C-alpha atoms as a PDB file:
ATOM      1  CA  MET A   1     179.675  20.090  64.937  1.00  0.00           C
ATOM      2  CA  SER A   2     177.931  17.464  62.898  1.00  0.00           C
ATOM      3  CA  PRO A   3     174.485  16.004  64.291  1.00  0.00           C
ATOM      4  CA  SER A   4     174.246  12.691  65.959  1.00  0.00           C
ATOM      5  CA  ARG A   5     171.776  10.356  64.275  1.00  0.00           C
ATOM      6  CA  HIS A   6     169.300  11.232  66.210  1.00  0.00           C
ATOM      7  CA  ALA A   7     169.762  15.384  66.455  1.00  0.00           C
ATOM      8  CA  THR A   8     166.430  17.137  66.729  1.00  0.00           C
ATOM      9  CA  LEU A   9     165.322  20.771  66.687  1.00  0.00           C
ATOM     10  CA  THR A  10     161.726  21.341  68.604  1.00  0.00           C
ATOM     11  CA  PHE A  11     160.413  24.604  67.479  1.00  0.00           C
ATOM     12  CA  THR A  12     158.171  26.733  69.085  1.00  0.00           C
ATOM     13  CA  ASP A  13     154.990  25.938  67.092  1.00  0.00           C
ATOM     14  CA  ALA A  14     154.111  24.298  63.918  1.00  0.00           C
ATOM     15  CA  GLU A  15     153.842  27.691  61.719  1.00  0.00           C
ATOM     16  CA  SER A  16     157.517  27.880  62.752  1.00  0.00           C
ATOM     17  CA  LEU A  17     158.615  24.818  61.448  1.00  0.00           C
ATOM     18  CA  LEU A  18     156.270  25.441  58.310  1.00  0.00           C
ATOM     19  CA  ASP A  19     158.343  28.657  57.948  1.00  0.00           C
ATOM     20  CA  LEU A  20     161.250  26.818  57.910  1.00  0.00           C
ATOM     21  CA  SER A  21     159.788  24.140  55.428  1.00  0.00           C
ATOM     22  CA  THR A  22     158.853  27.265  52.790  1.00  0.00           C
ATOM     23  CA  PHE A  23     162.380  28.527  53.017  1.00  0.00           C
ATOM     24  CA  VAL A  24     164.185  25.334  52.286  1.00  0.00           C
ATOM     25  CA  SER A  25     161.800  24.801  49.295  1.00  0.00           C
ATOM     26  CA  ARG A  26     162.457  28.236  47.955  1.00  0.00           C
ATOM     27  CA  ALA A  27     166.068  27.341  47.832  1.00  0.00           C
ATOM     28  CA  ARG A  28     165.811  23.790  46.410  1.00  0.00           C
ATOM     29  CA  ALA A  29     163.676  25.598  43.573  1.00  0.00           C
ATOM     30  CA  TYR A  30     166.389  27.614  42.617  1.00  0.00           C
ATOM     31  CA  ASP A  31     169.068  24.764  43.443  1.00  0.00           C
ATOM     32  CA  ALA A  32     168.074  21.751  43.541  1.00  0.00           C
ATOM     33  CA  THR A  33     171.952  20.235  44.537  1.00  0.00           C
ATOM     34  CA  GLY A  34     172.085  22.970  47.006  1.00  0.00           C
ATOM     35  CA  ALA A  35     172.675  22.858  50.567  1.00  0.00           C
ATOM     36  CA  VAL A  36     171.601  24.532  54.402  1.00  0.00           C
ATOM     37  CA  ARG A  37     173.710  25.113  56.896  1.00  0.00           C
ATOM     38  CA  LEU A  38     171.597  24.956  60.159  1.00  0.00           C
ATOM     39  CA  GLN A  39     172.986  26.886  63.123  1.00  0.00           C
ATOM     40  CA  ALA A  40     171.330  26.792  66.397  1.00  0.00           C
ATOM     41  CA  VAL A  41     172.352  28.657  69.553  1.00  0.00           C
ATOM     42  CA  GLY A  42     169.969  29.130  72.239  1.00  0.00           C
ATOM     43  CA  ALA A  43     166.470  29.235  71.214  1.00  0.00           C
ATOM     44  CA  VAL A  44     167.100  30.422  67.810  1.00  0.00           C
ATOM     45  CA  LEU A  45     167.716  28.491  64.827  1.00  0.00           C
ATOM     46  CA  ALA A  46     169.887  30.191  61.599  1.00  0.00           C
ATOM     47  CA  ALA A  47     169.274  28.272  58.534  1.00  0.00           C
ATOM     48  CA  TRP A  48     171.730  29.351  55.639  1.00  0.00           C
ATOM     49  CA  VAL A  49     171.629  29.056  52.199  1.00  0.00           C
ATOM     50  CA  SER A  50     173.669  29.782  49.157  1.00  0.00           C
ATOM     51  CA  VAL A  51     172.154  31.531  46.192  1.00  0.00           C
ATOM     52  CA  LEU A  52     175.586  32.730  44.557  1.00  0.00           C
ATOM     53  CA  PRO A  53     178.970  30.568  45.920  1.00  0.00           C
ATOM     54  CA  GLY A  54     181.590  33.044  44.878  1.00  0.00           C
ATOM     55  CA  ARG A  55     185.164  33.193  43.925  1.00  0.00           C
ATOM     56  CA  ASP A  56     188.220  32.609  45.247  1.00  0.00           C
ATOM     57  CA  LEU A  57     189.331  31.301  48.734  1.00  0.00           C
ATOM     58  CA  VAL A  58     187.864  34.244  50.524  1.00  0.00           C
ATOM     59  CA  GLY A  59     184.105  33.558  48.545  1.00  0.00           C
ATOM     60  CA  THR A  60     184.839  37.130  46.597  1.00  0.00           C
ATOM     61  CA  GLY A  61     180.885  37.548  45.210  1.00  0.00           C
ATOM     62  CA  ALA A  62     179.402  35.343  47.514  1.00  0.00           C
ATOM     63  CA  VAL A  63     175.223  35.701  48.054  1.00  0.00           C
ATOM     64  CA  LEU A  64     173.709  33.981  51.362  1.00  0.00           C
ATOM     65  CA  GLY A  65     170.438  34.184  52.051  1.00  0.00           C
ATOM     66  CA  LEU A  66     169.515  34.037  55.500  1.00  0.00           C
ATOM     67  CA  ARG A  67     166.222  33.258  57.244  1.00  0.00           C
ATOM     68  CA  THR A  68     165.928  32.329  61.463  1.00  0.00           C
ATOM     69  CA  THR A  69     163.303  30.878  63.526  1.00  0.00           C
ATOM     70  CA  PRO A  70     162.794  30.358  67.180  1.00  0.00           C
ATOM     71  CA  LEU A  71     163.171  27.182  68.875  1.00  0.00           C
ATOM     72  CA  GLU A  72     161.337  25.581  71.736  1.00  0.00           C
ATOM     73  CA  GLY A  73     164.207  25.146  74.721  1.00  0.00           C
ATOM     74  CA  HIS A  74     168.339  25.265  74.677  1.00  0.00           C
ATOM     75  CA  HIS A  75     169.670  24.253  70.801  1.00  0.00           C
ATOM     76  CA  GLU A  76     173.166  23.735  70.151  1.00  0.00           C
ATOM     77  CA  LEU A  77     173.920  22.521  66.601  1.00  0.00           C
ATOM     78  CA  ASP A  78     175.660  23.623  63.237  1.00  0.00           C
ATOM     79  CA  ALA A  79     175.265  20.998  60.622  1.00  0.00           C
ATOM     80  CA  THR A  80     175.054  21.356  56.618  1.00  0.00           C
ATOM     81  CA  VAL A  81     172.860  19.257  54.920  1.00  0.00           C
ATOM     82  CA  LEU A  82     171.739  18.594  51.642  1.00  0.00           C
ATOM     83  CA  LEU A  83     168.205  20.770  50.487  1.00  0.00           C
ATOM     84  CA  ALA A  84     166.822  17.578  49.378  1.00  0.00           C
ATOM     85  CA  ALA A  85     166.978  15.739  52.518  1.00  0.00           C
ATOM     86  CA  LEU A  86     165.305  18.024  54.448  1.00  0.00           C
ATOM     87  CA  THR A  87     162.741  18.583  52.011  1.00  0.00           C
ATOM     88  CA  ASP A  88     162.331  14.489  52.110  1.00  0.00           C
ATOM     89  CA  ARG A  89     162.044  14.977  55.569  1.00  0.00           C
ATOM     90  CA  PHE A  90     159.252  17.531  55.513  1.00  0.00           C
ATOM     91  CA  ALA A  91     157.055  15.631  52.677  1.00  0.00           C
ATOM     92  CA  ARG A  92     157.166  12.249  54.865  1.00  0.00           C
ATOM     93  CA  ARG A  93     155.952  14.552  57.544  1.00  0.00           C
ATOM     94  CA  SER A  94     152.979  15.483  55.388  1.00  0.00           C
ATOM     95  CA  VAL A  95     152.062  12.032  54.380  1.00  0.00           C
ATOM     96  CA  THR A  96     152.087  10.972  57.956  1.00  0.00           C
ATOM     97  CA  GLN A  97     150.480  13.829  59.108  1.00  0.00           C
ATOM     98  CA  ASP A  98     152.799  14.427  61.615  1.00  0.00           C
ATOM     99  CA  THR A  99     151.979  17.683  63.489  1.00  0.00           C
ATOM    100  CA  SER A 100     154.748  17.752  66.070  1.00  0.00           C
ATOM    101  CA  THR A 101     157.015  20.595  66.555  1.00  0.00           C
ATOM    102  CA  VAL A 102     159.803  18.259  66.650  1.00  0.00           C
ATOM    103  CA  LEU A 103     162.186  18.084  63.272  1.00  0.00           C
ATOM    104  CA  ALA A 104     164.891  14.978  63.210  1.00  0.00           C
ATOM    105  CA  VAL A 105     167.943  16.608  61.570  1.00  0.00           C
ATOM    106  CA  PRO A 106     169.351  14.235  58.518  1.00  0.00           C
ATOM    107  CA  PRO A 107     172.349  12.433  59.582  1.00  0.00           C
ATOM    108  CA  ALA A 108     174.641  12.904  56.220  1.00  0.00           C
ATOM    109  CA  THR A 109     176.049  16.341  56.049  1.00  0.00           C
ATOM    110  CA  VAL A 110     178.334  17.969  53.432  1.00  0.00           C
ATOM    111  CA  SER A 111     180.911  20.784  52.947  1.00  0.00           C
ATOM    112  CA  PRO A 112     180.081  23.006  50.267  1.00  0.00           C
ATOM    113  CA  PRO A 113     182.832  25.794  49.785  1.00  0.00           C
ATOM    114  CA  TRP A 114     180.779  28.598  50.955  1.00  0.00           C
ATOM    115  CA  SER A 115     179.579  27.250  54.235  1.00  0.00           C
ATOM    116  CA  GLY A 116     183.233  27.931  55.505  1.00  0.00           C
ATOM    117  CA  VAL A 117     183.402  31.362  54.535  1.00  0.00           C
ATOM    118  CA  MET A 118     180.503  32.898  56.610  1.00  0.00           C
ATOM    119  CA  PRO A 119     179.898  37.033  57.755  1.00  0.00           C
ATOM    120  CA  PRO A 120     180.315  37.642  61.011  1.00  0.00           C
ATOM    121  CA  ARG A 121     177.842  37.797  64.229  1.00  0.00           C
ATOM    122  CA  ALA A 122     178.952  41.230  65.303  1.00  0.00           C
ATOM    123  CA  GLY A 123     180.219  44.698  64.238  1.00  0.00           C
ATOM    124  CA  TRP A 124     177.566  45.546  62.152  1.00  0.00           C
ATOM    125  CA  GLU A 125     177.223  49.317  60.910  1.00  0.00           C
ATOM    126  CA  PRO A 126     174.556  50.627  59.353  1.00  0.00           C
ATOM    127  CA  VAL A 127     174.962  52.286  55.849  1.00  0.00           C
ATOM    128  CA  GLY A 128     171.229  53.559  54.534  1.00  0.00           C
ATOM    129  CA  GLN A 129     168.087  51.696  53.013  1.00  0.00           C
ATOM    130  CA  ILE A 130     167.295  50.214  49.901  1.00  0.00           C
ATOM    131  CA  SER A 131     164.096  49.540  48.458  1.00  0.00           C
ATOM    132  CA  SER A 132     162.719  46.304  47.340  1.00  0.00           C
ATOM    133  CA  THR A 133     161.477  47.362  44.326  1.00  0.00           C
ATOM    134  CA  SER A 134     165.117  47.960  42.961  1.00  0.00           C
ATOM    135  CA  LEU A 135     166.191  44.836  44.551  1.00  0.00           C
ATOM    136  CA  LEU A 136     163.545  42.816  42.310  1.00  0.00           C
ATOM    137  CA  SER A 137     163.981  45.308  39.517  1.00  0.00           C
ATOM    138  CA  ALA A 138     167.638  44.600  39.469  1.00  0.00           C
ATOM    139  CA  ALA A 139     167.054  41.059  39.941  1.00  0.00           C
ATOM    140  CA  ARG A 140     164.713  40.746  36.746  1.00  0.00           C
ATOM    141  CA  THR A 141     167.024  42.553  34.921  1.00  0.00           C
ATOM    142  CA  GLY A 142     170.112  40.372  35.885  1.00  0.00           C
ATOM    143  CA  VAL A 143     168.467  37.127  34.852  1.00  0.00           C
ATOM    144  CA  ALA A 144     167.415  38.259  31.392  1.00  0.00           C
ATOM    145  CA  GLU A 145     170.852  39.987  30.867  1.00  0.00           C
ATOM    146  CA  VAL A 146     172.781  36.255  32.087  1.00  0.00           C
ATOM    147  CA  ALA A 147     170.334  34.591  29.671  1.00  0.00           C
ATOM    148  CA  GLU A 148     170.396  36.568  26.611  1.00  0.00           C
ATOM    149  CA  GLY A 149     174.597  36.690  27.247  1.00  0.00           C
ATOM    150  CA  THR A 150     174.787  32.809  27.759  1.00  0.00           C
ATOM    151  CA  PRO A 151     174.275  31.071  24.568  1.00  0.00           C
ATOM    152  CA  ASP A 152     174.844  27.348  24.324  1.00  0.00           C
ATOM    153  CA  THR A 153     178.428  27.522  22.717  1.00  0.00           C
ATOM    154  CA  ALA A 154     179.389  29.828  25.731  1.00  0.00           C
ATOM    155  CA  GLY A 155     182.431  28.303  27.453  1.00  0.00           C
ATOM    156  CA  GLY A 156     182.404  28.215  31.436  1.00  0.00           C
ATOM    157  CA  PRO A 157     184.546  31.201  31.642  1.00  0.00           C
ATOM    158  CA  ALA A 158     182.814  33.850  29.907  1.00  0.00           C
ATOM    159  CA  VAL A 159     179.635  32.630  31.941  1.00  0.00           C
ATOM    160  CA  ALA A 160     181.189  33.032  35.103  1.00  0.00           C
ATOM    161  CA  ALA A 161     182.494  35.911  33.802  1.00  0.00           C
ATOM    162  CA  LEU A 162     179.214  37.379  32.762  1.00  0.00           C
ATOM    163  CA  ARG A 163     177.492  36.327  35.889  1.00  0.00           C
ATOM    164  CA  ALA A 164     180.215  37.712  38.393  1.00  0.00           C
ATOM    165  CA  ALA A 165     179.736  41.195  36.294  1.00  0.00           C
ATOM    166  CA  VAL A 166     176.106  41.051  36.372  1.00  0.00           C
ATOM    167  CA  TRP A 167     175.542  40.286  40.342  1.00  0.00           C
ATOM    168  CA  GLY A 168     178.689  42.333  41.148  1.00  0.00           C
ATOM    169  CA  ARG A 169     176.990  45.402  39.998  1.00  0.00           C
ATOM    170  CA  PRO A 170     176.193  47.857  42.440  1.00  0.00           C
ATOM    171  CA  LEU A 171     173.312  49.100  43.448  1.00  0.00           C
ATOM    172  CA  GLU A 172     172.338  51.701  46.012  1.00  0.00           C
ATOM    173  CA  HIS A 173     175.110  51.650  49.067  1.00  0.00           C
ATOM    174  CA  ASP A 174     177.485  49.337  46.782  1.00  0.00           C
ATOM    175  CA  VAL A 175     174.309  46.417  47.291  1.00  0.00           C
ATOM    176  CA  PRO A 176     175.454  44.197  44.796  1.00  0.00           C
ATOM    177  CA  ALA A 177     172.831  43.246  42.158  1.00  0.00           C
ATOM    178  CA  GLY A 178     173.177  39.438  43.542  1.00  0.00           C
ATOM    179  CA  ALA A 179     171.025  40.580  46.586  1.00  0.00           C
ATOM    180  CA  GLY A 180     168.143  40.913  44.654  1.00  0.00           C
ATOM    181  CA  LEU A 181     168.733  37.698  42.758  1.00  0.00           C
ATOM    182  CA  ALA A 182     168.424  36.185  46.669  1.00  0.00           C
ATOM    183  CA  ALA A 183     165.817  38.110  47.452  1.00  0.00           C
ATOM    184  CA  LEU A 184     163.758  37.052  44.193  1.00  0.00           C
ATOM    185  CA  ALA A 185     164.848  33.271  44.576  1.00  0.00           C
ATOM    186  CA  LEU A 186     163.998  33.340  48.144  1.00  0.00           C
ATOM    187  CA  GLY A 187     160.927  35.472  48.490  1.00  0.00           C
ATOM    188  CA  PHE A 188     162.150  37.407  50.981  1.00  0.00           C
ATOM    189  CA  ALA A 189     160.490  40.504  48.456  1.00  0.00           C
ATOM    190  CA  ALA A 190     157.012  40.591  46.082  1.00  0.00           C
ATOM    191  CA  GLU A 191     156.226  42.958  43.878  1.00  0.00           C
ATOM    192  CA  SER A 192     152.817  43.696  45.312  1.00  0.00           C
ATOM    193  CA  GLN A 193     154.892  44.571  48.935  1.00  0.00           C
ATOM    194  CA  PRO A 194     157.294  47.339  48.552  1.00  0.00           C
ATOM    195  CA  GLN A 195     159.156  47.608  51.660  1.00  0.00           C
ATOM    196  CA  GLN A 196     162.496  49.349  52.515  1.00  0.00           C
ATOM    197  CA  ALA A 197     165.061  46.875  53.628  1.00  0.00           C
ATOM    198  CA  SER A 198     167.704  48.602  55.892  1.00  0.00           C
ATOM    199  CA  VAL A 199     171.699  47.822  54.682  1.00  0.00           C
ATOM    200  CA  HIS A 200     174.512  47.325  57.314  1.00  0.00           C
ATOM    201  CA  ARG A 201     178.423  46.590  56.300  1.00  0.00           C
ATOM    202  CA  SER A 202     180.986  44.822  58.543  1.00  0.00           C
ATOM    203  CA  GLY A 203     184.143  44.983  56.617  1.00  0.00           C
ATOM    204  CA  PRO A 204     183.548  43.100  53.099  1.00  0.00           C
ATOM    205  CA  TRP A 205     180.158  41.865  54.082  1.00  0.00           C
ATOM    206  CA  THR A 206     176.965  43.854  53.345  1.00  0.00           C
ATOM    207  CA  ARG A 207     173.954  42.454  54.714  1.00  0.00           C
ATOM    208  CA  VAL A 208     170.407  43.508  53.365  1.00  0.00           C
ATOM    209  CA  SER A 209     167.684  43.029  56.007  1.00  0.00           C
ATOM    210  CA  LEU A 210     163.902  42.473  54.626  1.00  0.00           C
ATOM    211  CA  PRO A 211     161.228  41.624  57.056  1.00  0.00           C
ATOM    212  CA  ALA A 212     161.271  37.915  55.616  1.00  0.00           C
ATOM    213  CA  GLY A 213     164.903  37.253  55.453  1.00  0.00           C
ATOM    214  CA  TYR A 214     168.186  38.369  55.432  1.00  0.00           C
ATOM    215  CA  VAL A 215     170.689  38.774  52.291  1.00  0.00           C
ATOM    216  CA  VAL A 216     174.324  38.794  52.974  1.00  0.00           C
ATOM    217  CA  CYS A 217     176.651  39.636  50.257  1.00  0.00           C
ATOM    218  CA  ARG A 218     180.785  39.494  50.346  1.00  0.00           C
END
């Protein structure tokens, strides 16, 4: 459903709202024109962003980042809005020193292709673990490889093919290297704090669960 002009989300505390602000800011730093899908059911908000949009009608190669946040009371919301619209909201709160835990949802919605191809909520089976060190190493290697392999003269199809090959490269348990890119870009992992991430699979989807968030790949 789309938000009304007066749709709001009430968070359990100021820290939870700040957590969403940090997540959205990181996502926008990675993709200034990107969007976030806000799905609130009951007392939980799931905020989805796209790191790699994927190809074809079913989103092959898509890599999404997910951060969940507790809410106060019962909510029902499903809206995709521009990251810029939310960061503007947070900036305005900072300027006006608004310390409330209520966030007004931007009324204007968007429909990026990735938001229509979402992973299932149930049916996930554990397949193992992968270290955050492996994820970040794959991300940094991939970033360098894409940068070196895409000169100014490279055409769009060539760049797309290179990115698909680099970020689709399998790591442990067939986790794609693109999961590392998401962990790096969204701040889900840090070199100074090595961690083990659990890996689950449901059909064509793979989920990597880190303490700071989830990466879901198709």
